[in-house]
Amino acid sequence: MTAELSKDAVTVWLEHFCVEVIAAEFRLNELDSATGDGEHGSNLSQGAAAVRALLREREFGDVQEQLSTVAMALVNSVGGASGALYGAFFLRLSDVGEGRDALDLARLADGLGSALAGIRELGGSAPGDKTMVDAIHPAVTTLQSPDTQARGLVEALDCAATAAEEGRDATAGMVARMGRGSYLGDRSRGHVDAGATSMALLFRCLHAGAEATA
């Protein structure tokens, strides 16, 4: 049973996410065009390319340095609100990695909870607003539950990723209350949110990274 997410596992997670985001660029743009500016996939793909280059060029002293460097790369390379939001996610998550080469499940859950709080503070969004929060919130809630905490790391992250995917799917029935989509009113209903889709992908890739290095 894998007990910790190592720096190597974090690298695998991020590499996998970058590959998947680039592959999903058109689909993410398509989803975003229904309620936003249609550039979520293109913007994230730029960030993914920057992060992949960074992971290949740099060595990191601890998990905090690893994740905070990724955060700044995303802020500097991703256009629109997505860069700031993903940057806040990784920057807040990085705090639990100070002086550590790996994160146990409890520490990872705390870090992801802080990441969720950072995104909510920056974007002003809440569950039900049809944003990426609707994927992150159920994932974090699941990961922090005692039942999930009693499982091994890989199984717990699988549960969290499934919760994120269910949250993503639920955005199709929501009316957007944030961003450009909020101007559409009821017309925003029936579309899956692009930000929730990319965030659910991030959690699924986190599970894959832990599983691949178990």
N, C-alpha and C. Protein backbone atom coordinates (compact mmCIF):
# COMPACT_ATOMS: atom_id res chain seq x y z
N MET A 1 0.85 -1.20 0.00
CA MET A 1 0.00 0.00 0.00
C MET A 1 0.89 1.25 0.00
N THR A 2 0.71 2.10 -0.99
CA THR A 2 1.50 3.32 -1.06
C THR A 2 1.00 4.33 -0.04
N ALA A 3 1.92 4.84 0.78
CA ALA A 3 1.51 5.72 1.87
C ALA A 3 1.73 7.19 1.55
N GLU A 4 2.60 7.50 0.57
CA GLU A 4 2.96 8.89 0.31
C GLU A 4 3.04 9.18 -1.18
N LEU A 5 2.83 10.44 -1.51
CA LEU A 5 3.01 10.93 -2.87
C LEU A 5 4.39 11.58 -2.93
N SER A 6 5.31 10.93 -3.61
CA SER A 6 6.69 11.39 -3.67
C SER A 6 6.87 12.52 -4.70
N LYS A 7 8.03 13.16 -4.68
CA LYS A 7 8.33 14.16 -5.69
C LYS A 7 8.26 13.56 -7.09
N ASP A 8 8.74 12.33 -7.24
CA ASP A 8 8.67 11.65 -8.55
C ASP A 8 7.21 11.46 -8.97
N ALA A 9 6.35 11.11 -8.02
CA ALA A 9 4.94 10.92 -8.33
C ALA A 9 4.30 12.25 -8.72
N VAL A 10 4.70 13.33 -8.07
CA VAL A 10 4.20 14.66 -8.43
C VAL A 10 4.60 14.99 -9.86
N THR A 11 5.83 14.66 -10.22
CA THR A 11 6.29 14.91 -11.59
C THR A 11 5.48 14.11 -12.60
N VAL A 12 5.23 12.86 -12.29
CA VAL A 12 4.42 12.01 -13.18
C VAL A 12 3.01 12.59 -13.31
N TRP A 13 2.44 12.99 -12.18
CA TRP A 13 1.12 13.63 -12.17
C TRP A 13 1.08 14.83 -13.11
N LEU A 14 2.02 15.73 -12.95
CA LEU A 14 2.01 16.96 -13.73
C LEU A 14 2.30 16.71 -15.20
N GLU A 15 3.23 15.80 -15.48
CA GLU A 15 3.52 15.44 -16.88
C GLU A 15 2.27 14.87 -17.54
N HIS A 16 1.60 13.99 -16.84
CA HIS A 16 0.40 13.35 -17.38
C HIS A 16 -0.69 14.38 -17.63
N PHE A 17 -0.86 15.30 -16.69
CA PHE A 17 -1.86 16.35 -16.85
C PHE A 17 -1.54 17.22 -18.06
N CYS A 18 -0.28 17.58 -18.22
CA CYS A 18 0.11 18.42 -19.36
C CYS A 18 -0.21 17.73 -20.68
N VAL A 19 0.12 16.45 -20.78
CA VAL A 19 -0.17 15.70 -22.00
C VAL A 19 -1.67 15.65 -22.26
N GLU A 20 -2.43 15.39 -21.22
CA GLU A 20 -3.89 15.27 -21.37
C GLU A 20 -4.53 16.61 -21.72
N VAL A 21 -4.05 17.68 -21.14
CA VAL A 21 -4.60 19.00 -21.43
C VAL A 21 -4.34 19.39 -22.88
N ILE A 22 -3.14 19.13 -23.35
CA ILE A 22 -2.82 19.46 -24.74
C ILE A 22 -3.70 18.64 -25.69
N ALA A 23 -3.91 17.38 -25.35
CA ALA A 23 -4.76 16.53 -26.18
C ALA A 23 -6.22 16.98 -26.15
N ALA A 24 -6.64 17.58 -25.03
CA ALA A 24 -8.04 17.99 -24.85
C ALA A 24 -8.27 19.45 -25.22
N GLU A 25 -7.29 20.11 -25.81
CA GLU A 25 -7.39 21.54 -26.08
C GLU A 25 -8.67 21.90 -26.86
N PHE A 26 -8.93 21.20 -27.94
CA PHE A 26 -10.10 21.52 -28.76
C PHE A 26 -11.39 21.31 -27.97
N ARG A 27 -11.48 20.21 -27.23
CA ARG A 27 -12.67 19.91 -26.47
C ARG A 27 -12.91 20.95 -25.38
N LEU A 28 -11.85 21.37 -24.69
CA LEU A 28 -11.99 22.39 -23.65
C LEU A 28 -12.42 23.73 -24.25
N ASN A 29 -11.87 24.07 -25.41
CA ASN A 29 -12.29 25.30 -26.09
C ASN A 29 -13.76 25.22 -26.49
N GLU A 30 -14.16 24.06 -26.96
CA GLU A 30 -15.54 23.87 -27.38
C GLU A 30 -16.50 24.04 -26.20
N LEU A 31 -16.15 23.46 -25.07
CA LEU A 31 -16.98 23.61 -23.88
C LEU A 31 -17.02 25.07 -23.43
N ASP A 32 -15.89 25.72 -23.46
CA ASP A 32 -15.80 27.10 -23.00
C ASP A 32 -16.54 28.06 -23.92
N SER A 33 -16.64 27.71 -25.19
CA SER A 33 -17.31 28.60 -26.14
C SER A 33 -18.81 28.72 -25.85
N ALA A 34 -19.36 27.73 -25.14
CA ALA A 34 -20.79 27.77 -24.84
C ALA A 34 -21.14 28.82 -23.80
N THR A 35 -20.22 29.08 -22.86
CA THR A 35 -20.53 30.02 -21.78
C THR A 35 -19.40 31.03 -21.52
N GLY A 36 -18.29 30.90 -22.24
CA GLY A 36 -17.15 31.78 -22.00
C GLY A 36 -16.56 32.30 -23.29
N ASP A 37 -15.25 32.53 -23.28
CA ASP A 37 -14.59 33.10 -24.46
C ASP A 37 -14.03 32.05 -25.41
N GLY A 38 -14.18 30.78 -25.06
CA GLY A 38 -13.74 29.70 -25.95
C GLY A 38 -12.24 29.48 -26.00
N GLU A 39 -11.52 29.96 -24.98
CA GLU A 39 -10.05 29.86 -25.01
C GLU A 39 -9.47 29.07 -23.85
N HIS A 40 -10.32 28.40 -23.07
CA HIS A 40 -9.81 27.69 -21.89
C HIS A 40 -8.78 26.62 -22.28
N GLY A 41 -9.07 25.87 -23.31
CA GLY A 41 -8.14 24.83 -23.75
C GLY A 41 -6.84 25.40 -24.29
N SER A 42 -6.94 26.43 -25.11
CA SER A 42 -5.73 27.06 -25.68
C SER A 42 -4.86 27.66 -24.59
N ASN A 43 -5.50 28.34 -23.64
CA ASN A 43 -4.75 28.96 -22.55
C ASN A 43 -4.04 27.91 -21.69
N LEU A 44 -4.76 26.86 -21.34
CA LEU A 44 -4.15 25.81 -20.52
C LEU A 44 -3.05 25.07 -21.28
N SER A 45 -3.22 24.89 -22.57
CA SER A 45 -2.20 24.21 -23.36
C SER A 45 -0.89 24.99 -23.35
N GLN A 46 -0.98 26.31 -23.38
CA GLN A 46 0.23 27.13 -23.28
C GLN A 46 0.92 26.89 -21.94
N GLY A 47 0.11 26.85 -20.89
CA GLY A 47 0.67 26.59 -19.58
C GLY A 47 1.27 25.20 -19.47
N ALA A 48 0.61 24.22 -20.08
CA ALA A 48 1.10 22.85 -20.04
C ALA A 48 2.46 22.74 -20.71
N ALA A 49 2.64 23.43 -21.82
CA ALA A 49 3.93 23.40 -22.51
C ALA A 49 5.02 24.01 -21.63
N ALA A 50 4.69 25.10 -20.94
CA ALA A 50 5.67 25.75 -20.07
C ALA A 50 6.03 24.86 -18.88
N VAL A 51 5.04 24.19 -18.31
CA VAL A 51 5.29 23.31 -17.17
C VAL A 51 6.12 22.10 -17.58
N ARG A 52 5.83 21.52 -18.73
CA ARG A 52 6.60 20.36 -19.20
C ARG A 52 8.07 20.73 -19.38
N ALA A 53 8.32 21.88 -19.96
CA ALA A 53 9.71 22.33 -20.14
C ALA A 53 10.39 22.53 -18.79
N LEU A 54 9.66 23.10 -17.86
CA LEU A 54 10.19 23.36 -16.52
C LEU A 54 10.55 22.06 -15.81
N LEU A 55 9.69 21.07 -15.89
CA LEU A 55 9.93 19.80 -15.21
C LEU A 55 11.16 19.09 -15.76
N ARG A 56 11.45 19.31 -17.03
CA ARG A 56 12.60 18.67 -17.65
C ARG A 56 13.91 19.42 -17.38
N GLU A 57 13.80 20.70 -17.09
CA GLU A 57 14.99 21.54 -16.93
C GLU A 57 15.43 21.69 -15.49
N ARG A 58 14.52 21.54 -14.53
CA ARG A 58 14.80 21.88 -13.15
C ARG A 58 14.82 20.68 -12.24
N GLU A 59 15.60 20.79 -11.19
CA GLU A 59 15.53 19.86 -10.06
C GLU A 59 15.07 20.67 -8.85
N PHE A 60 14.29 20.03 -7.99
CA PHE A 60 13.66 20.76 -6.90
C PHE A 60 14.11 20.20 -5.56
N GLY A 61 14.32 21.11 -4.62
CA GLY A 61 14.80 20.68 -3.31
C GLY A 61 13.74 19.99 -2.48
N ASP A 62 12.49 20.43 -2.61
CA ASP A 62 11.39 19.81 -1.88
C ASP A 62 10.10 19.97 -2.67
N VAL A 63 9.04 19.41 -2.16
CA VAL A 63 7.76 19.46 -2.86
C VAL A 63 7.24 20.90 -2.93
N GLN A 64 7.51 21.68 -1.91
CA GLN A 64 7.07 23.07 -1.94
C GLN A 64 7.68 23.82 -3.12
N GLU A 65 8.98 23.68 -3.31
CA GLU A 65 9.64 24.35 -4.42
C GLU A 65 9.09 23.85 -5.75
N GLN A 66 8.88 22.55 -5.83
CA GLN A 66 8.36 21.93 -7.05
C GLN A 66 7.00 22.53 -7.44
N LEU A 67 6.08 22.58 -6.49
CA LEU A 67 4.72 23.03 -6.78
C LEU A 67 4.62 24.55 -6.91
N SER A 68 5.39 25.27 -6.12
CA SER A 68 5.33 26.73 -6.22
C SER A 68 5.94 27.21 -7.53
N THR A 69 6.96 26.51 -8.02
CA THR A 69 7.55 26.86 -9.31
C THR A 69 6.56 26.60 -10.44
N VAL A 70 5.83 25.50 -10.34
CA VAL A 70 4.78 25.20 -11.32
C VAL A 70 3.71 26.29 -11.26
N ALA A 71 3.35 26.72 -10.06
CA ALA A 71 2.34 27.77 -9.91
C ALA A 71 2.73 29.03 -10.65
N MET A 72 3.97 29.46 -10.49
CA MET A 72 4.41 30.69 -11.13
C MET A 72 4.51 30.52 -12.64
N ALA A 73 4.88 29.33 -13.09
CA ALA A 73 4.93 29.08 -14.54
C ALA A 73 3.54 29.21 -15.15
N LEU A 74 2.52 28.73 -14.44
CA LEU A 74 1.15 28.82 -14.94
C LEU A 74 0.66 30.27 -14.92
N VAL A 75 0.95 30.98 -13.86
CA VAL A 75 0.54 32.39 -13.78
C VAL A 75 1.15 33.18 -14.94
N ASN A 76 2.40 32.89 -15.27
CA ASN A 76 3.11 33.67 -16.28
C ASN A 76 2.81 33.24 -17.71
N SER A 77 2.24 32.05 -17.90
CA SER A 77 2.06 31.55 -19.26
C SER A 77 0.61 31.34 -19.69
N VAL A 78 -0.31 31.28 -18.73
CA VAL A 78 -1.71 31.00 -19.05
C VAL A 78 -2.49 32.31 -19.07
N GLY A 79 -3.18 32.57 -20.16
CA GLY A 79 -3.98 33.78 -20.27
C GLY A 79 -5.30 33.66 -19.53
N GLY A 80 -5.95 34.80 -19.34
CA GLY A 80 -7.26 34.82 -18.72
C GLY A 80 -7.21 34.49 -17.24
N ALA A 81 -8.40 34.23 -16.69
CA ALA A 81 -8.50 33.94 -15.26
C ALA A 81 -7.90 32.60 -14.90
N SER A 82 -7.82 31.69 -15.87
CA SER A 82 -7.35 30.33 -15.57
C SER A 82 -5.94 30.31 -15.01
N GLY A 83 -5.06 31.17 -15.52
CA GLY A 83 -3.69 31.21 -15.03
C GLY A 83 -3.62 31.57 -13.57
N ALA A 84 -4.38 32.61 -13.18
CA ALA A 84 -4.39 33.03 -11.78
C ALA A 84 -5.00 31.96 -10.88
N LEU A 85 -6.08 31.32 -11.35
CA LEU A 85 -6.75 30.33 -10.52
C LEU A 85 -5.91 29.06 -10.36
N TYR A 86 -5.35 28.57 -11.45
CA TYR A 86 -4.49 27.40 -11.34
C TYR A 86 -3.21 27.73 -10.57
N GLY A 87 -2.72 28.95 -10.74
CA GLY A 87 -1.56 29.37 -9.97
C GLY A 87 -1.85 29.37 -8.49
N ALA A 88 -3.03 29.90 -8.11
CA ALA A 88 -3.42 29.90 -6.70
C ALA A 88 -3.56 28.48 -6.16
N PHE A 89 -4.10 27.59 -6.99
CA PHE A 89 -4.27 26.20 -6.59
C PHE A 89 -2.92 25.58 -6.20
N PHE A 90 -1.95 25.68 -7.08
CA PHE A 90 -0.65 25.04 -6.83
C PHE A 90 0.16 25.77 -5.77
N LEU A 91 0.01 27.08 -5.70
CA LEU A 91 0.75 27.83 -4.69
C LEU A 91 0.27 27.48 -3.29
N ARG A 92 -1.04 27.40 -3.11
CA ARG A 92 -1.57 27.04 -1.80
C ARG A 92 -1.25 25.58 -1.45
N LEU A 93 -1.33 24.70 -2.45
CA LEU A 93 -0.98 23.30 -2.23
C LEU A 93 0.49 23.15 -1.84
N SER A 94 1.34 23.99 -2.39
CA SER A 94 2.78 23.86 -2.15
C SER A 94 3.15 24.07 -0.68
N ASP A 95 2.31 24.80 0.06
CA ASP A 95 2.66 25.11 1.45
C ASP A 95 2.87 23.86 2.31
N VAL A 96 2.13 22.79 2.01
CA VAL A 96 2.25 21.58 2.84
C VAL A 96 3.51 20.77 2.48
N GLY A 97 4.21 21.18 1.43
CA GLY A 97 5.39 20.44 1.00
C GLY A 97 6.71 21.01 1.46
N GLU A 98 6.65 22.03 2.35
CA GLU A 98 7.89 22.66 2.80
C GLU A 98 8.79 21.65 3.52
N GLY A 99 10.02 21.51 3.01
CA GLY A 99 11.01 20.62 3.62
C GLY A 99 10.72 19.15 3.45
N ARG A 100 9.82 18.79 2.54
CA ARG A 100 9.40 17.40 2.39
C ARG A 100 9.66 16.89 0.97
N ASP A 101 10.04 15.61 0.92
CA ASP A 101 10.22 14.93 -0.36
C ASP A 101 8.98 14.15 -0.77
N ALA A 102 7.98 14.10 0.10
CA ALA A 102 6.75 13.36 -0.18
C ALA A 102 5.64 13.88 0.71
N LEU A 103 4.39 13.63 0.29
CA LEU A 103 3.21 14.03 1.06
C LEU A 103 2.40 12.80 1.41
N ASP A 104 2.09 12.64 2.70
CA ASP A 104 1.18 11.55 3.06
C ASP A 104 -0.25 11.99 2.76
N LEU A 105 -1.19 11.07 2.90
CA LEU A 105 -2.56 11.33 2.49
C LEU A 105 -3.18 12.47 3.29
N ALA A 106 -2.96 12.49 4.58
CA ALA A 106 -3.55 13.54 5.41
C ALA A 106 -3.02 14.92 5.03
N ARG A 107 -1.72 15.00 4.80
CA ARG A 107 -1.11 16.29 4.43
C ARG A 107 -1.58 16.71 3.04
N LEU A 108 -1.68 15.76 2.11
CA LEU A 108 -2.15 16.07 0.76
C LEU A 108 -3.59 16.58 0.81
N ALA A 109 -4.43 15.93 1.61
CA ALA A 109 -5.82 16.36 1.74
C ALA A 109 -5.90 17.78 2.32
N ASP A 110 -5.06 18.07 3.31
CA ASP A 110 -5.04 19.42 3.87
C ASP A 110 -4.60 20.44 2.82
N GLY A 111 -3.58 20.07 2.05
CA GLY A 111 -3.09 20.97 1.02
C GLY A 111 -4.11 21.24 -0.07
N LEU A 112 -4.84 20.21 -0.46
CA LEU A 112 -5.87 20.39 -1.47
C LEU A 112 -7.05 21.20 -0.92
N GLY A 113 -7.32 21.05 0.36
CA GLY A 113 -8.33 21.88 0.99
C GLY A 113 -7.93 23.35 0.96
N SER A 114 -6.65 23.61 1.23
CA SER A 114 -6.14 24.98 1.17
C SER A 114 -6.18 25.50 -0.26
N ALA A 115 -5.89 24.64 -1.23
CA ALA A 115 -5.94 25.02 -2.64
C ALA A 115 -7.36 25.42 -3.04
N LEU A 116 -8.34 24.66 -2.58
CA LEU A 116 -9.74 24.99 -2.83
C LEU A 116 -10.08 26.35 -2.23
N ALA A 117 -9.65 26.58 -1.00
CA ALA A 117 -9.92 27.86 -0.35
C ALA A 117 -9.28 29.01 -1.12
N GLY A 118 -8.07 28.79 -1.63
CA GLY A 118 -7.39 29.83 -2.39
C GLY A 118 -8.14 30.20 -3.66
N ILE A 119 -8.65 29.20 -4.35
CA ILE A 119 -9.42 29.47 -5.57
C ILE A 119 -10.72 30.19 -5.24
N ARG A 120 -11.38 29.78 -4.16
CA ARG A 120 -12.63 30.44 -3.79
C ARG A 120 -12.39 31.90 -3.38
N GLU A 121 -11.30 32.14 -2.68
CA GLU A 121 -10.99 33.50 -2.27
C GLU A 121 -10.67 34.38 -3.47
N LEU A 122 -9.93 33.84 -4.42
CA LEU A 122 -9.52 34.62 -5.59
C LEU A 122 -10.69 34.85 -6.54
N GLY A 123 -11.44 33.80 -6.81
CA GLY A 123 -12.51 33.91 -7.79
C GLY A 123 -13.87 34.29 -7.22
N GLY A 124 -14.03 34.19 -5.90
CA GLY A 124 -15.30 34.51 -5.28
C GLY A 124 -16.40 33.51 -5.57
N SER A 125 -16.02 32.32 -5.99
CA SER A 125 -17.01 31.32 -6.39
C SER A 125 -17.31 30.33 -5.26
N ALA A 126 -18.50 29.74 -5.35
CA ALA A 126 -18.95 28.76 -4.37
C ALA A 126 -19.49 27.55 -5.11
N PRO A 127 -19.62 26.41 -4.43
CA PRO A 127 -20.24 25.26 -5.08
C PRO A 127 -21.62 25.63 -5.62
N GLY A 128 -21.91 25.18 -6.83
CA GLY A 128 -23.18 25.49 -7.46
C GLY A 128 -23.13 26.68 -8.40
N ASP A 129 -21.98 27.37 -8.46
CA ASP A 129 -21.86 28.53 -9.35
C ASP A 129 -21.47 28.16 -10.77
N LYS A 130 -21.25 26.88 -11.03
CA LYS A 130 -20.87 26.38 -12.36
C LYS A 130 -19.45 26.84 -12.72
N THR A 131 -18.50 26.47 -11.85
CA THR A 131 -17.09 26.78 -12.07
C THR A 131 -16.26 25.55 -11.72
N MET A 132 -14.94 25.70 -11.77
CA MET A 132 -14.04 24.61 -11.41
C MET A 132 -14.21 24.19 -9.95
N VAL A 133 -14.75 25.09 -9.12
CA VAL A 133 -15.00 24.75 -7.72
C VAL A 133 -15.95 23.55 -7.62
N ASP A 134 -16.84 23.41 -8.58
CA ASP A 134 -17.80 22.30 -8.53
C ASP A 134 -17.14 20.94 -8.77
N ALA A 135 -15.92 20.93 -9.26
CA ALA A 135 -15.14 19.69 -9.35
C ALA A 135 -14.23 19.54 -8.14
N ILE A 136 -13.61 20.64 -7.72
CA ILE A 136 -12.65 20.57 -6.61
C ILE A 136 -13.34 20.27 -5.29
N HIS A 137 -14.45 20.94 -5.03
CA HIS A 137 -15.10 20.82 -3.72
C HIS A 137 -15.48 19.38 -3.39
N PRO A 138 -16.17 18.65 -4.27
CA PRO A 138 -16.51 17.26 -3.92
C PRO A 138 -15.29 16.37 -3.81
N ALA A 139 -14.25 16.66 -4.60
CA ALA A 139 -13.02 15.86 -4.53
C ALA A 139 -12.36 16.03 -3.17
N VAL A 140 -12.26 17.27 -2.72
CA VAL A 140 -11.62 17.55 -1.42
C VAL A 140 -12.48 17.00 -0.27
N THR A 141 -13.79 17.18 -0.36
CA THR A 141 -14.69 16.66 0.67
C THR A 141 -14.54 15.15 0.80
N THR A 142 -14.47 14.49 -0.34
CA THR A 142 -14.29 13.03 -0.35
C THR A 142 -12.94 12.64 0.24
N LEU A 143 -11.90 13.35 -0.16
CA LEU A 143 -10.55 13.01 0.28
C LEU A 143 -10.37 13.23 1.78
N GLN A 144 -11.08 14.21 2.33
CA GLN A 144 -10.93 14.52 3.74
C GLN A 144 -11.84 13.71 4.65
N SER A 145 -12.73 12.90 4.08
CA SER A 145 -13.65 12.12 4.90
C SER A 145 -12.91 10.99 5.60
N PRO A 146 -13.31 10.62 6.81
CA PRO A 146 -12.64 9.54 7.55
C PRO A 146 -12.62 8.23 6.78
N ASP A 147 -13.70 7.91 6.08
CA ASP A 147 -13.74 6.65 5.33
C ASP A 147 -12.66 6.63 4.26
N THR A 148 -12.49 7.74 3.54
CA THR A 148 -11.47 7.80 2.49
C THR A 148 -10.08 7.82 3.10
N GLN A 149 -9.91 8.54 4.20
CA GLN A 149 -8.62 8.62 4.86
C GLN A 149 -8.14 7.24 5.33
N ALA A 150 -9.08 6.32 5.56
CA ALA A 150 -8.72 4.98 6.03
C ALA A 150 -8.22 4.10 4.89
N ARG A 151 -8.34 4.56 3.66
CA ARG A 151 -7.91 3.77 2.51
C ARG A 151 -6.45 4.08 2.19
N GLY A 152 -5.86 3.32 1.30
CA GLY A 152 -4.52 3.63 0.80
C GLY A 152 -4.57 4.85 -0.09
N LEU A 153 -3.41 5.44 -0.34
CA LEU A 153 -3.32 6.68 -1.11
C LEU A 153 -3.95 6.53 -2.49
N VAL A 154 -3.60 5.48 -3.20
CA VAL A 154 -4.08 5.31 -4.58
C VAL A 154 -5.59 5.18 -4.62
N GLU A 155 -6.15 4.36 -3.74
CA GLU A 155 -7.60 4.17 -3.72
C GLU A 155 -8.30 5.46 -3.31
N ALA A 156 -7.74 6.17 -2.36
CA ALA A 156 -8.34 7.43 -1.91
C ALA A 156 -8.36 8.45 -3.03
N LEU A 157 -7.28 8.53 -3.79
CA LEU A 157 -7.23 9.48 -4.90
C LEU A 157 -8.15 9.08 -6.03
N ASP A 158 -8.37 7.79 -6.19
CA ASP A 158 -9.35 7.32 -7.18
C ASP A 158 -10.75 7.80 -6.77
N CYS A 159 -11.08 7.69 -5.50
CA CYS A 159 -12.38 8.15 -5.00
C CYS A 159 -12.52 9.66 -5.20
N ALA A 160 -11.46 10.40 -4.93
CA ALA A 160 -11.50 11.85 -5.09
C ALA A 160 -11.68 12.23 -6.55
N ALA A 161 -10.98 11.53 -7.45
CA ALA A 161 -11.10 11.83 -8.87
C ALA A 161 -12.51 11.52 -9.38
N THR A 162 -13.09 10.44 -8.90
CA THR A 162 -14.46 10.10 -9.28
C THR A 162 -15.43 11.17 -8.81
N ALA A 163 -15.22 11.67 -7.59
CA ALA A 163 -16.07 12.74 -7.07
C ALA A 163 -15.92 14.01 -7.90
N ALA A 164 -14.69 14.31 -8.33
CA ALA A 164 -14.48 15.48 -9.19
C ALA A 164 -15.19 15.32 -10.52
N GLU A 165 -15.16 14.12 -11.08
CA GLU A 165 -15.83 13.87 -12.35
C GLU A 165 -17.35 13.97 -12.22
N GLU A 166 -17.87 13.50 -11.10
CA GLU A 166 -19.31 13.63 -10.86
C GLU A 166 -19.69 15.11 -10.69
N GLY A 167 -18.82 15.86 -10.02
CA GLY A 167 -19.05 17.30 -9.87
C GLY A 167 -19.01 18.01 -11.21
N ARG A 168 -18.05 17.63 -12.04
CA ARG A 168 -17.98 18.18 -13.41
C ARG A 168 -19.28 17.94 -14.16
N ASP A 169 -19.75 16.69 -14.14
CA ASP A 169 -20.96 16.34 -14.88
C ASP A 169 -22.18 17.11 -14.36
N ALA A 170 -22.20 17.36 -13.05
CA ALA A 170 -23.34 18.06 -12.45
C ALA A 170 -23.44 19.51 -12.92
N THR A 171 -22.34 20.09 -13.41
CA THR A 171 -22.39 21.49 -13.86
C THR A 171 -23.31 21.65 -15.07
N ALA A 172 -23.58 20.58 -15.79
CA ALA A 172 -24.47 20.68 -16.95
C ALA A 172 -25.87 21.14 -16.54
N GLY A 173 -26.29 20.82 -15.33
CA GLY A 173 -27.61 21.20 -14.87
C GLY A 173 -27.65 22.52 -14.14
N MET A 174 -26.52 23.20 -14.04
CA MET A 174 -26.44 24.45 -13.27
C MET A 174 -26.58 25.67 -14.16
N VAL A 175 -27.02 26.75 -13.57
CA VAL A 175 -27.03 28.07 -14.21
C VAL A 175 -25.77 28.81 -13.73
N ALA A 176 -25.01 29.32 -14.68
CA ALA A 176 -23.76 30.00 -14.34
C ALA A 176 -24.02 31.27 -13.54
N ARG A 177 -23.26 31.44 -12.46
CA ARG A 177 -23.41 32.63 -11.63
C ARG A 177 -22.11 33.44 -11.55
N MET A 178 -21.11 33.02 -12.34
CA MET A 178 -19.83 33.72 -12.34
C MET A 178 -19.37 33.93 -13.79
N GLY A 179 -18.58 34.97 -14.01
CA GLY A 179 -17.96 35.17 -15.32
C GLY A 179 -18.95 35.49 -16.43
N ARG A 180 -18.50 35.30 -17.65
CA ARG A 180 -19.33 35.62 -18.81
C ARG A 180 -20.59 34.78 -18.87
N GLY A 181 -20.48 33.56 -18.40
CA GLY A 181 -21.63 32.67 -18.44
C GLY A 181 -22.81 33.19 -17.65
N SER A 182 -22.54 34.03 -16.62
CA SER A 182 -23.62 34.53 -15.78
C SER A 182 -24.56 35.44 -16.56
N TYR A 183 -24.07 36.04 -17.65
CA TYR A 183 -24.93 36.91 -18.46
C TYR A 183 -25.95 36.12 -19.28
N LEU A 184 -25.72 34.83 -19.41
CA LEU A 184 -26.62 34.00 -20.21
C LEU A 184 -27.85 33.55 -19.44
N GLY A 185 -27.81 33.62 -18.13
CA GLY A 185 -28.93 33.17 -17.33
C GLY A 185 -29.22 31.69 -17.56
N ASP A 186 -30.48 31.37 -17.77
CA ASP A 186 -30.90 29.98 -17.95
C ASP A 186 -30.30 29.34 -19.20
N ARG A 187 -29.85 30.17 -20.14
CA ARG A 187 -29.25 29.62 -21.36
C ARG A 187 -27.90 28.94 -21.11
N SER A 188 -27.33 29.21 -19.93
CA SER A 188 -26.06 28.54 -19.60
C SER A 188 -26.28 27.11 -19.14
N ARG A 189 -27.53 26.77 -18.83
CA ARG A 189 -27.84 25.42 -18.42
C ARG A 189 -27.73 24.47 -19.62
N GLY A 190 -27.30 23.24 -19.36
CA GLY A 190 -27.18 22.25 -20.43
C GLY A 190 -25.77 22.10 -20.96
N HIS A 191 -24.84 22.90 -20.42
CA HIS A 191 -23.44 22.84 -20.86
C HIS A 191 -22.54 22.50 -19.68
N VAL A 192 -21.65 21.56 -19.87
CA VAL A 192 -20.66 21.22 -18.84
C VAL A 192 -19.62 22.32 -18.79
N ASP A 193 -19.25 22.73 -17.60
CA ASP A 193 -18.28 23.82 -17.43
C ASP A 193 -16.87 23.38 -17.82
N ALA A 194 -16.20 24.23 -18.58
CA ALA A 194 -14.84 23.90 -19.05
C ALA A 194 -13.84 23.85 -17.90
N GLY A 195 -13.95 24.79 -16.96
CA GLY A 195 -13.02 24.80 -15.83
C GLY A 195 -13.18 23.58 -14.95
N ALA A 196 -14.42 23.17 -14.72
CA ALA A 196 -14.66 21.96 -13.95
C ALA A 196 -14.13 20.74 -14.67
N THR A 197 -14.18 20.78 -16.00
CA THR A 197 -13.67 19.65 -16.80
C THR A 197 -12.16 19.54 -16.68
N SER A 198 -11.45 20.65 -16.80
CA SER A 198 -9.99 20.59 -16.68
C SER A 198 -9.57 20.23 -15.26
N MET A 199 -10.32 20.69 -14.26
CA MET A 199 -9.97 20.38 -12.88
C MET A 199 -10.23 18.91 -12.56
N ALA A 200 -11.31 18.36 -13.09
CA ALA A 200 -11.55 16.93 -12.91
C ALA A 200 -10.44 16.12 -13.56
N LEU A 201 -9.94 16.60 -14.68
CA LEU A 201 -8.82 15.95 -15.34
C LEU A 201 -7.56 16.01 -14.48
N LEU A 202 -7.36 17.12 -13.81
CA LEU A 202 -6.21 17.26 -12.91
C LEU A 202 -6.26 16.22 -11.80
N PHE A 203 -7.44 16.00 -11.22
CA PHE A 203 -7.57 15.02 -10.14
C PHE A 203 -7.43 13.59 -10.67
N ARG A 204 -7.93 13.32 -11.86
CA ARG A 204 -7.76 11.98 -12.42
C ARG A 204 -6.29 11.71 -12.71
N CYS A 205 -5.57 12.73 -13.17
CA CYS A 205 -4.14 12.57 -13.43
C CYS A 205 -3.35 12.44 -12.13
N LEU A 206 -3.83 13.06 -11.06
CA LEU A 206 -3.20 12.89 -9.74
C LEU A 206 -3.31 11.42 -9.31
N HIS A 207 -4.47 10.85 -9.49
CA HIS A 207 -4.64 9.42 -9.19
C HIS A 207 -3.71 8.57 -10.05
N ALA A 208 -3.64 8.88 -11.34
CA ALA A 208 -2.79 8.11 -12.25
C ALA A 208 -1.32 8.22 -11.87
N GLY A 209 -0.90 9.41 -11.43
CA GLY A 209 0.50 9.58 -11.03
C GLY A 209 0.84 8.77 -9.80
N ALA A 210 -0.08 8.73 -8.83
CA ALA A 210 0.14 7.93 -7.63
C ALA A 210 0.15 6.44 -7.97
N GLU A 211 -0.76 6.04 -8.84
CA GLU A 211 -0.86 4.63 -9.22
C GLU A 211 0.37 4.17 -9.98
N ALA A 212 0.88 5.02 -10.87
CA ALA A 212 2.03 4.67 -11.70
C ALA A 212 3.32 4.52 -10.90
N THR A 213 3.38 5.20 -9.76
CA THR A 213 4.61 5.16 -8.95
C THR A 213 4.44 4.35 -7.67
N ALA A 214 3.31 3.66 -7.55
CA ALA A 214 3.05 2.86 -6.35
C ALA A 214 4.01 1.69 -6.24
